[in-house]
Amino acid sequence: MLTKILPNNEHTIERVLRVVVGLGALSTVFVGPQSNWGLLGLIPLATGLIGSCPIYTALGFSTAGKK
């Protein structure tokens, strides 16, 4: 059931990039411009850690490759 809701639809490289971008954006909450806009970094961070993108799921798209 969980694989229907959160299917693995991200390639490993994309997952790493999402985590890095998410952490970079999230760091702006604490250092640099100290803007709350950095909290948007939670979105790519979470999708990168989970390995599933809800937008990809809705569109039936996957970068994970064939299984």
Protein backbone atom coordinates (compact mmCIF):
# COMPACT_ATOMS: atom_id res chain seq x y z
CA MET A 1 0.00 0.00 0.00
CA LEU A 2 2.77 2.44 0.90
CA THR A 3 4.51 1.80 -2.42
CA LYS A 4 1.35 3.00 -4.20
CA ILE A 5 1.33 6.24 -2.23
CA LEU A 6 5.10 6.82 -2.18
CA PRO A 7 6.66 4.88 -5.06
CA ASN A 8 10.41 5.12 -5.56
CA ASN A 9 10.49 7.42 -8.58
CA GLU A 10 13.79 9.30 -8.18
CA HIS A 11 17.22 8.30 -9.45
CA THR A 12 20.02 8.09 -6.87
CA ILE A 13 21.87 11.09 -8.31
CA GLU A 14 18.68 13.15 -8.25
CA ARG A 15 18.08 12.16 -4.63
CA VAL A 16 21.58 13.31 -3.64
CA LEU A 17 21.11 16.62 -5.48
CA ARG A 18 17.74 17.20 -3.79
CA VAL A 19 19.26 16.59 -0.35
CA VAL A 20 22.18 18.94 -1.07
CA VAL A 21 19.89 21.68 -2.44
CA GLY A 22 17.48 21.24 0.46
CA LEU A 23 20.24 21.52 3.05
CA GLY A 24 21.69 24.54 1.26
CA ALA A 25 18.34 26.32 1.21
CA LEU A 26 17.62 25.34 4.80
CA SER A 27 20.96 26.74 5.93
CA THR A 28 19.83 30.23 4.93
CA VAL A 29 17.44 30.16 7.87
CA PHE A 30 20.38 30.06 10.27
CA VAL A 31 23.29 31.73 8.43
CA GLY A 32 23.65 34.26 5.66
CA PRO A 33 20.52 36.31 4.92
CA GLN A 34 18.59 34.47 7.71
CA SER A 35 15.36 34.36 5.76
CA ASN A 36 12.38 32.15 6.53
CA TRP A 37 12.17 31.42 2.80
CA GLY A 38 14.90 28.88 3.46
CA LEU A 39 12.27 26.65 5.06
CA LEU A 40 11.22 25.78 1.53
CA GLY A 41 14.37 23.69 1.52
CA LEU A 42 12.44 21.13 3.58
CA ILE A 43 10.57 20.07 0.43
CA PRO A 44 13.55 18.88 -1.66
CA LEU A 45 15.21 17.55 1.49
CA ALA A 46 12.20 15.40 2.38
CA THR A 47 11.60 14.14 -1.16
CA GLY A 48 15.29 13.33 -1.53
CA LEU A 49 15.41 11.37 1.72
CA ILE A 50 12.17 9.51 0.99
CA GLY A 51 12.99 8.89 -2.68
CA SER A 52 9.52 9.76 -3.88
CA CYS A 53 8.27 12.96 -5.48
CA PRO A 54 4.49 13.56 -5.26
CA ILE A 55 4.51 15.59 -8.48
CA TYR A 56 6.25 12.76 -10.34
CA THR A 57 3.66 10.35 -8.93
CA ALA A 58 0.75 12.53 -10.06
CA LEU A 59 2.20 12.88 -13.56
CA GLY A 60 3.22 9.22 -13.81
CA PHE A 61 6.85 10.23 -14.31
CA SER A 62 9.96 8.50 -12.96
CA THR A 63 13.69 9.05 -13.20
CA ALA A 64 14.47 5.88 -11.23
CA GLY A 65 14.78 3.78 -14.36
CA LYS A 66 13.45 0.35 -15.15
CA LYS A 67 13.10 -2.29 -12.47
